[in-house]
Amino acid sequence: MRQKLRRLIITFATTAMALKMEKVCHAYKAPGRLIPVPREITAGCGLAWMAAPEEKEQLEHIMQIDGVIPQEIHVLEGKKNGNSI
């Protein structure tokens, strides 16, 4: 049986905001990485931040402190394909 992989996806209206998220997360050593927006989601700039769902609270706190404005926050379930978060 295939294992389901849950992932937190944070989308942004602009590429500048997505890149700001990346910069802020690297500064705080926060988990996750920039990815292309998954097909299941529509977003303004085409980039999203992906992390484990358990990291949502920490990432929301970091975004609030540093003025990163997300477009939407999703938790998606998909098939595990060997790629790690």
PDB file of N, CA and C in Angstrom:
ATOM      1  N   MET A   1       0.834  -1.178   0.000  1.00  0.00           N
ATOM      2  CA  MET A   1       0.000   0.000   0.000  1.00  0.00           C
ATOM      3  C   MET A   1       0.886   1.251   0.000  1.00  0.00           C
ATOM      4  N   ARG A   2       0.542   2.207  -0.828  1.00  0.00           N
ATOM      5  CA  ARG A   2       1.331   3.433  -0.890  1.00  0.00           C
ATOM      6  C   ARG A   2       1.012   4.332   0.287  1.00  0.00           C
ATOM      7  N   GLN A   3       2.068   4.924   0.807  1.00  0.00           N
ATOM      8  CA  GLN A   3       1.913   5.832   1.927  1.00  0.00           C
ATOM      9  C   GLN A   3       1.533   7.227   1.405  1.00  0.00           C
ATOM     10  N   LYS A   4       0.613   7.896   2.115  1.00  0.00           N
ATOM     11  CA  LYS A   4       0.210   9.255   1.752  1.00  0.00           C
ATOM     12  C   LYS A   4       1.177  10.241   2.392  1.00  0.00           C
ATOM     13  N   LEU A   5       1.588  11.222   1.622  1.00  0.00           N
ATOM     14  CA  LEU A   5       2.498  12.249   2.099  1.00  0.00           C
ATOM     15  C   LEU A   5       1.710  13.537   2.256  1.00  0.00           C
ATOM     16  N   ARG A   6       1.673  14.077   3.452  1.00  0.00           N
ATOM     17  CA  ARG A   6       1.008  15.359   3.692  1.00  0.00           C
ATOM     18  C   ARG A   6       2.061  16.451   3.607  1.00  0.00           C
ATOM     19  N   ARG A   7       1.703  17.556   2.937  1.00  0.00           N
ATOM     20  CA  ARG A   7       2.639  18.663   2.827  1.00  0.00           C
ATOM     21  C   ARG A   7       1.907  19.984   2.973  1.00  0.00           C
ATOM     22  N   LEU A   8       2.571  20.886   3.647  1.00  0.00           N
ATOM     23  CA  LEU A   8       2.081  22.241   3.815  1.00  0.00           C
ATOM     24  C   LEU A   8       2.557  23.047   2.617  1.00  0.00           C
ATOM     25  N   ILE A   9       1.636  23.726   1.947  1.00  0.00           N
ATOM     26  CA  ILE A   9       1.972  24.533   0.776  1.00  0.00           C
ATOM     27  C   ILE A   9       1.515  25.965   1.050  1.00  0.00           C
ATOM     28  N   ILE A  10       2.440  26.902   0.984  1.00  0.00           N
ATOM     29  CA  ILE A  10       2.131  28.317   1.178  1.00  0.00           C
ATOM     30  C   ILE A  10       2.359  29.006  -0.163  1.00  0.00           C
ATOM     31  N   THR A  11       1.306  29.624  -0.686  1.00  0.00           N
ATOM     32  CA  THR A  11       1.414  30.307  -1.977  1.00  0.00           C
ATOM     33  C   THR A  11       1.525  31.818  -1.774  1.00  0.00           C
ATOM     34  N   PHE A  12       1.984  32.498  -2.816  1.00  0.00           N
ATOM     35  CA  PHE A  12       2.231  33.941  -2.758  1.00  0.00           C
ATOM     36  C   PHE A  12       1.686  34.609  -4.014  1.00  0.00           C
ATOM     37  N   ALA A  13       1.270  35.852  -3.864  1.00  0.00           N
ATOM     38  CA  ALA A  13       0.726  36.611  -4.991  1.00  0.00           C
ATOM     39  C   ALA A  13       1.825  37.077  -5.937  1.00  0.00           C
ATOM     40  N   THR A  14       3.035  37.270  -5.400  1.00  0.00           N
ATOM     41  CA  THR A  14       4.133  37.779  -6.229  1.00  0.00           C
ATOM     42  C   THR A  14       5.393  36.950  -6.032  1.00  0.00           C
ATOM     43  N   THR A  15       6.230  36.960  -7.046  1.00  0.00           N
ATOM     44  CA  THR A  15       7.527  36.277  -6.954  1.00  0.00           C
ATOM     45  C   THR A  15       8.393  36.931  -5.882  1.00  0.00           C
ATOM     46  N   ALA A  16       8.313  38.248  -5.768  1.00  0.00           N
ATOM     47  CA  ALA A  16       9.100  38.959  -4.752  1.00  0.00           C
ATOM     48  C   ALA A  16       8.763  38.470  -3.347  1.00  0.00           C
ATOM     49  N   MET A  17       7.478  38.210  -3.077  1.00  0.00           N
ATOM     50  CA  MET A  17       7.081  37.734  -1.745  1.00  0.00           C
ATOM     51  C   MET A  17       7.560  36.298  -1.531  1.00  0.00           C
ATOM     52  N   ALA A  18       7.518  35.470  -2.558  1.00  0.00           N
ATOM     53  CA  ALA A  18       8.020  34.097  -2.439  1.00  0.00           C
ATOM     54  C   ALA A  18       9.521  34.100  -2.145  1.00  0.00           C
ATOM     55  N   LEU A  19      10.255  34.960  -2.820  1.00  0.00           N
ATOM     56  CA  LEU A  19      11.701  35.044  -2.584  1.00  0.00           C
ATOM     57  C   LEU A  19      12.010  35.626  -1.209  1.00  0.00           C
ATOM     58  N   LYS A  20      11.172  36.528  -0.738  1.00  0.00           N
ATOM     59  CA  LYS A  20      11.339  37.064   0.624  1.00  0.00           C
ATOM     60  C   LYS A  20      11.137  35.940   1.635  1.00  0.00           C
ATOM     61  N   MET A  21      10.146  35.087   1.402  1.00  0.00           N
ATOM     62  CA  MET A  21       9.908  33.936   2.283  1.00  0.00           C
ATOM     63  C   MET A  21      11.137  33.046   2.334  1.00  0.00           C
ATOM     64  N   GLU A  22      11.718  32.789   1.181  1.00  0.00           N
ATOM     65  CA  GLU A  22      12.918  31.952   1.134  1.00  0.00           C
ATOM     66  C   GLU A  22      14.048  32.585   1.942  1.00  0.00           C
ATOM     67  N   LYS A  23      14.270  33.870   1.764  1.00  0.00           N
ATOM     68  CA  LYS A  23      15.335  34.584   2.473  1.00  0.00           C
ATOM     69  C   LYS A  23      15.110  34.562   3.989  1.00  0.00           C
ATOM     70  N   VAL A  24      13.874  34.836   4.396  1.00  0.00           N
ATOM     71  CA  VAL A  24      13.538  34.858   5.824  1.00  0.00           C
ATOM     72  C   VAL A  24      13.699  33.465   6.435  1.00  0.00           C
ATOM     73  N   CYS A  25      13.206  32.449   5.751  1.00  0.00           N
ATOM     74  CA  CYS A  25      13.297  31.082   6.277  1.00  0.00           C
ATOM     75  C   CYS A  25      14.742  30.620   6.396  1.00  0.00           C
ATOM     76  N   HIS A  26      15.568  30.997   5.435  1.00  0.00           N
ATOM     77  CA  HIS A  26      16.987  30.642   5.533  1.00  0.00           C
ATOM     78  C   HIS A  26      17.633  31.345   6.717  1.00  0.00           C
ATOM     79  N   ALA A  27      17.270  32.602   6.945  1.00  0.00           N
ATOM     80  CA  ALA A  27      17.835  33.360   8.069  1.00  0.00           C
ATOM     81  C   ALA A  27      17.468  32.724   9.409  1.00  0.00           C
ATOM     82  N   TYR A  28      16.237  32.223   9.527  1.00  0.00           N
ATOM     83  CA  TYR A  28      15.774  31.584  10.763  1.00  0.00           C
ATOM     84  C   TYR A  28      16.071  30.089  10.804  1.00  0.00           C
ATOM     85  N   LYS A  29      16.663  29.576   9.736  1.00  0.00           N
ATOM     86  CA  LYS A  29      16.903  28.131   9.601  1.00  0.00           C
ATOM     87  C   LYS A  29      15.582  27.354   9.741  1.00  0.00           C
ATOM     88  N   ALA A  30      14.541  27.927   9.163  1.00  0.00           N
ATOM     89  CA  ALA A  30      13.213  27.317   9.191  1.00  0.00           C
ATOM     90  C   ALA A  30      13.128  26.222   8.129  1.00  0.00           C
ATOM     91  N   PRO A  31      12.290  25.225   8.369  1.00  0.00           N
ATOM     92  CA  PRO A  31      12.174  24.105   7.434  1.00  0.00           C
ATOM     93  C   PRO A  31      11.423  24.477   6.157  1.00  0.00           C
ATOM     94  N   GLY A  32      11.723  23.745   5.095  1.00  0.00           N
ATOM     95  CA  GLY A  32      10.993  23.877   3.852  1.00  0.00           C
ATOM     96  C   GLY A  32      11.857  24.372   2.708  1.00  0.00           C
ATOM     97  N   ARG A  33      11.181  24.538   1.544  1.00  0.00           N
ATOM     98  CA  ARG A  33      11.893  25.006   0.353  1.00  0.00           C
ATOM     99  C   ARG A  33      10.886  25.545  -0.659  1.00  0.00           C
ATOM    100  N   LEU A  34      11.385  26.356  -1.583  1.00  0.00           N
ATOM    101  CA  LEU A  34      10.545  26.861  -2.668  1.00  0.00           C
ATOM    102  C   LEU A  34      10.333  25.768  -3.703  1.00  0.00           C
ATOM    103  N   ILE A  35       9.109  25.691  -4.195  1.00  0.00           N
ATOM    104  CA  ILE A  35       8.767  24.720  -5.236  1.00  0.00           C
ATOM    105  C   ILE A  35       7.833  25.400  -6.247  1.00  0.00           C
ATOM    106  N   PRO A  36       7.679  24.824  -7.425  1.00  0.00           N
ATOM    107  CA  PRO A  36       6.612  25.300  -8.317  1.00  0.00           C
ATOM    108  C   PRO A  36       5.260  24.971  -7.669  1.00  0.00           C
ATOM    109  N   VAL A  37       4.280  25.820  -7.858  1.00  0.00           N
ATOM    110  CA  VAL A  37       2.956  25.581  -7.267  1.00  0.00           C
ATOM    111  C   VAL A  37       2.404  24.266  -7.823  1.00  0.00           C
ATOM    112  N   PRO A  38       1.941  23.375  -6.934  1.00  0.00           N
ATOM    113  CA  PRO A  38       1.347  22.118  -7.400  1.00  0.00           C
ATOM    114  C   PRO A  38       0.126  22.369  -8.279  1.00  0.00           C
ATOM    115  N   ARG A  39      -0.163  21.448  -9.181  1.00  0.00           N
ATOM    116  CA  ARG A  39      -1.281  21.579 -10.117  1.00  0.00           C
ATOM    117  C   ARG A  39      -2.628  21.741  -9.425  1.00  0.00           C
ATOM    118  N   GLU A  40      -2.767  21.189  -8.225  1.00  0.00           N
ATOM    119  CA  GLU A  40      -4.042  21.242  -7.516  1.00  0.00           C
ATOM    120  C   GLU A  40      -4.397  22.651  -7.030  1.00  0.00           C
ATOM    121  N   ILE A  41      -3.428  23.552  -7.066  1.00  0.00           N
ATOM    122  CA  ILE A  41      -3.594  24.896  -6.506  1.00  0.00           C
ATOM    123  C   ILE A  41      -3.366  25.934  -7.607  1.00  0.00           C
ATOM    124  N   THR A  42      -4.098  27.023  -7.523  1.00  0.00           N
ATOM    125  CA  THR A  42      -3.860  28.157  -8.403  1.00  0.00           C
ATOM    126  C   THR A  42      -3.268  29.272  -7.557  1.00  0.00           C
ATOM    127  N   ALA A  43      -2.168  29.855  -8.014  1.00  0.00           N
ATOM    128  CA  ALA A  43      -1.535  30.935  -7.251  1.00  0.00           C
ATOM    129  C   ALA A  43      -0.997  31.979  -8.203  1.00  0.00           C
ATOM    130  N   GLY A  44      -0.842  33.175  -7.677  1.00  0.00           N
ATOM    131  CA  GLY A  44      -0.441  34.317  -8.483  1.00  0.00           C
ATOM    132  C   GLY A  44       0.903  34.196  -9.161  1.00  0.00           C
ATOM    133  N   CYS A  45       1.932  33.756  -8.448  1.00  0.00           N
ATOM    134  CA  CYS A  45       3.276  33.855  -9.017  1.00  0.00           C
ATOM    135  C   CYS A  45       3.855  32.538  -9.517  1.00  0.00           C
ATOM    136  N   GLY A  46       3.265  31.424  -9.178  1.00  0.00           N
ATOM    137  CA  GLY A  46       3.791  30.146  -9.640  1.00  0.00           C
ATOM    138  C   GLY A  46       4.809  29.507  -8.711  1.00  0.00           C
ATOM    139  N   LEU A  47       5.164  30.198  -7.604  1.00  0.00           N
ATOM    140  CA  LEU A  47       6.085  29.636  -6.618  1.00  0.00           C
ATOM    141  C   LEU A  47       5.361  29.464  -5.287  1.00  0.00           C
ATOM    142  N   ALA A  48       5.767  28.449  -4.539  1.00  0.00           N
ATOM    143  CA  ALA A  48       5.170  28.177  -3.234  1.00  0.00           C
ATOM    144  C   ALA A  48       6.245  27.678  -2.284  1.00  0.00           C
ATOM    145  N   TRP A  49       5.987  27.798  -0.995  1.00  0.00           N
ATOM    146  CA  TRP A  49       6.881  27.265   0.031  1.00  0.00           C
ATOM    147  C   TRP A  49       6.284  25.946   0.490  1.00  0.00           C
ATOM    148  N   MET A  50       7.086  24.884   0.515  1.00  0.00           N
ATOM    149  CA  MET A  50       6.630  23.574   0.957  1.00  0.00           C
ATOM    150  C   MET A  50       7.375  23.172   2.214  1.00  0.00           C
ATOM    151  N   ALA A  51       6.617  22.666   3.187  1.00  0.00           N
ATOM    152  CA  ALA A  51       7.199  22.163   4.431  1.00  0.00           C
ATOM    153  C   ALA A  51       6.259  21.094   4.979  1.00  0.00           C
ATOM    154  N   ALA A  52       6.646  20.506   6.088  1.00  0.00           N
ATOM    155  CA  ALA A  52       5.781  19.532   6.758  1.00  0.00           C
ATOM    156  C   ALA A  52       4.637  20.274   7.449  1.00  0.00           C
ATOM    157  N   PRO A  53       3.430  19.691   7.477  1.00  0.00           N
ATOM    158  CA  PRO A  53       2.287  20.356   8.105  1.00  0.00           C
ATOM    159  C   PRO A  53       2.535  20.750   9.562  1.00  0.00           C
ATOM    160  N   GLU A  54       3.356  19.991  10.256  1.00  0.00           N
ATOM    161  CA  GLU A  54       3.628  20.308  11.660  1.00  0.00           C
ATOM    162  C   GLU A  54       4.398  21.613  11.840  1.00  0.00           C
ATOM    163  N   GLU A  55       4.965  22.125  10.775  1.00  0.00           N
ATOM    164  CA  GLU A  55       5.750  23.363  10.828  1.00  0.00           C
ATOM    165  C   GLU A  55       4.893  24.613  10.595  1.00  0.00           C
ATOM    166  N   LYS A  56       3.596  24.441  10.391  1.00  0.00           N
ATOM    167  CA  LYS A  56       2.718  25.561  10.035  1.00  0.00           C
ATOM    168  C   LYS A  56       2.782  26.711  11.039  1.00  0.00           C
ATOM    169  N   GLU A  57       2.660  26.403  12.316  1.00  0.00           N
ATOM    170  CA  GLU A  57       2.655  27.446  13.343  1.00  0.00           C
ATOM    171  C   GLU A  57       3.962  28.242  13.340  1.00  0.00           C
ATOM    172  N   GLN A  58       5.085  27.544  13.262  1.00  0.00           N
ATOM    173  CA  GLN A  58       6.394  28.209  13.235  1.00  0.00           C
ATOM    174  C   GLN A  58       6.523  29.112  12.007  1.00  0.00           C
ATOM    175  N   LEU A  59       6.107  28.624  10.860  1.00  0.00           N
ATOM    176  CA  LEU A  59       6.212  29.414   9.629  1.00  0.00           C
ATOM    177  C   LEU A  59       5.274  30.619   9.651  1.00  0.00           C
ATOM    178  N   GLU A  60       4.069  30.449  10.180  1.00  0.00           N
ATOM    179  CA  GLU A  60       3.151  31.587  10.295  1.00  0.00           C
ATOM    180  C   GLU A  60       3.738  32.664  11.205  1.00  0.00           C
ATOM    181  N   HIS A  61       4.378  32.241  12.283  1.00  0.00           N
ATOM    182  CA  HIS A  61       5.011  33.185  13.209  1.00  0.00           C
ATOM    183  C   HIS A  61       6.141  33.962  12.520  1.00  0.00           C
ATOM    184  N   ILE A  62       6.973  33.254  11.791  1.00  0.00           N
ATOM    185  CA  ILE A  62       8.082  33.888  11.061  1.00  0.00           C
ATOM    186  C   ILE A  62       7.543  34.875  10.027  1.00  0.00           C
ATOM    187  N   MET A  63       6.501  34.476   9.296  1.00  0.00           N
ATOM    188  CA  MET A  63       5.926  35.366   8.287  1.00  0.00           C
ATOM    189  C   MET A  63       5.378  36.640   8.937  1.00  0.00           C
ATOM    190  N   GLN A  64       4.725  36.487  10.071  1.00  0.00           N
ATOM    191  CA  GLN A  64       4.158  37.639  10.762  1.00  0.00           C
ATOM    192  C   GLN A  64       5.259  38.595  11.232  1.00  0.00           C
ATOM    193  N   ILE A  65       6.318  38.057  11.802  1.00  0.00           N
ATOM    194  CA  ILE A  65       7.421  38.883  12.305  1.00  0.00           C
ATOM    195  C   ILE A  65       8.077  39.675  11.185  1.00  0.00           C
ATOM    196  N   ASP A  66       8.298  39.026  10.041  1.00  0.00           N
ATOM    197  CA  ASP A  66       9.079  39.644   8.968  1.00  0.00           C
ATOM    198  C   ASP A  66       8.246  40.210   7.818  1.00  0.00           C
ATOM    199  N   GLY A  67       6.946  40.266   7.971  1.00  0.00           N
ATOM    200  CA  GLY A  67       6.108  40.907   6.959  1.00  0.00           C
ATOM    201  C   GLY A  67       5.968  40.143   5.659  1.00  0.00           C
ATOM    202  N   VAL A  68       6.043  38.826   5.726  1.00  0.00           N
ATOM    203  CA  VAL A  68       5.809  37.999   4.541  1.00  0.00           C
ATOM    204  C   VAL A  68       4.301  37.739   4.468  1.00  0.00           C
ATOM    205  N   ILE A  69       3.694  38.090   3.349  1.00  0.00           N
ATOM    206  CA  ILE A  69       2.246  37.967   3.208  1.00  0.00           C
ATOM    207  C   ILE A  69       1.920  36.793   2.286  1.00  0.00           C
ATOM    208  N   PRO A  70       1.349  35.728   2.850  1.00  0.00           N
ATOM    209  CA  PRO A  70       0.980  34.594   2.004  1.00  0.00           C
ATOM    210  C   PRO A  70      -0.311  34.876   1.258  1.00  0.00           C
ATOM    211  N   GLN A  71      -0.459  34.230   0.105  1.00  0.00           N
ATOM    212  CA  GLN A  71      -1.728  34.312  -0.619  1.00  0.00           C
ATOM    213  C   GLN A  71      -2.704  33.322   0.016  1.00  0.00           C
ATOM    214  N   GLU A  72      -2.274  32.061   0.136  1.00  0.00           N
ATOM    215  CA  GLU A  72      -3.081  31.010   0.756  1.00  0.00           C
ATOM    216  C   GLU A  72      -2.164  29.988   1.406  1.00  0.00           C
ATOM    217  N   ILE A  73      -2.720  29.247   2.367  1.00  0.00           N
ATOM    218  CA  ILE A  73      -1.993  28.159   3.023  1.00  0.00           C
ATOM    219  C   ILE A  73      -2.841  26.900   2.877  1.00  0.00           C
ATOM    220  N   HIS A  74      -2.229  25.839   2.340  1.00  0.00           N
ATOM    221  CA  HIS A  74      -2.934  24.578   2.071  1.00  0.00           C
ATOM    222  C   HIS A  74      -2.183  23.425   2.724  1.00  0.00           C
ATOM    223  N   VAL A  75      -2.912  22.362   3.043  1.00  0.00           N
ATOM    224  CA  VAL A  75      -2.298  21.086   3.400  1.00  0.00           C
ATOM    225  C   VAL A  75      -2.792  20.097   2.355  1.00  0.00           C
ATOM    226  N   LEU A  76      -1.857  19.558   1.578  1.00  0.00           N
ATOM    227  CA  LEU A  76      -2.195  18.617   0.509  1.00  0.00           C
ATOM    228  C   LEU A  76      -1.752  17.219   0.878  1.00  0.00           C
ATOM    229  N   GLU A  77      -2.499  16.247   0.397  1.00  0.00           N
ATOM    230  CA  GLU A  77      -2.116  14.852   0.550  1.00  0.00           C
ATOM    231  C   GLU A  77      -1.837  14.290  -0.828  1.00  0.00           C
ATOM    232  N   GLY A  78      -0.756  13.574  -0.940  1.00  0.00           N
ATOM    233  CA  GLY A  78      -0.402  12.965  -2.210  1.00  0.00           C
ATOM    234  C   GLY A  78       0.336  11.665  -1.972  1.00  0.00           C
ATOM    235  N   LYS A  79       0.660  10.990  -3.053  1.00  0.00           N
ATOM    236  CA  LYS A  79       1.407   9.738  -2.951  1.00  0.00           C
ATOM    237  C   LYS A  79       2.861  10.030  -2.683  1.00  0.00           C
ATOM    238  N   LYS A  80       3.461   9.236  -1.824  1.00  0.00           N
ATOM    239  CA  LYS A  80       4.871   9.399  -1.509  1.00  0.00           C
ATOM    240  C   LYS A  80       5.684   8.904  -2.706  1.00  0.00           C
ATOM    241  N   ASN A  81       6.602   9.755  -3.187  1.00  0.00           N
ATOM    242  CA  ASN A  81       7.369   9.376  -4.369  1.00  0.00           C
ATOM    243  C   ASN A  81       8.870   9.393  -4.133  1.00  0.00           C
ATOM    244  N   GLY A  82       9.284   9.418  -2.878  1.00  0.00           N
ATOM    245  CA  GLY A  82      10.705   9.398  -2.590  1.00  0.00           C
ATOM    246  C   GLY A  82      11.320  10.759  -2.402  1.00  0.00           C
ATOM    247  N   ASN A  83      10.634  11.828  -2.811  1.00  0.00           N
ATOM    248  CA  ASN A  83      11.170  13.162  -2.592  1.00  0.00           C
ATOM    249  C   ASN A  83      10.889  13.591  -1.162  1.00  0.00           C
ATOM    250  N   SER A  84      11.886  14.108  -0.512  1.00  0.00           N
ATOM    251  CA  SER A  84      11.696  14.523   0.867  1.00  0.00           C
ATOM    252  C   SER A  84      11.314  15.984   0.935  1.00  0.00           C
ATOM    253  N   ILE A  85      10.748  16.348   2.040  1.00  0.00           N
ATOM    254  CA  ILE A  85      10.347  17.744   2.244  1.00  0.00           C
ATOM    255  C   ILE A  85      11.542  18.567   2.640  1.00  0.00           C
TER     256      ILE A  85
END
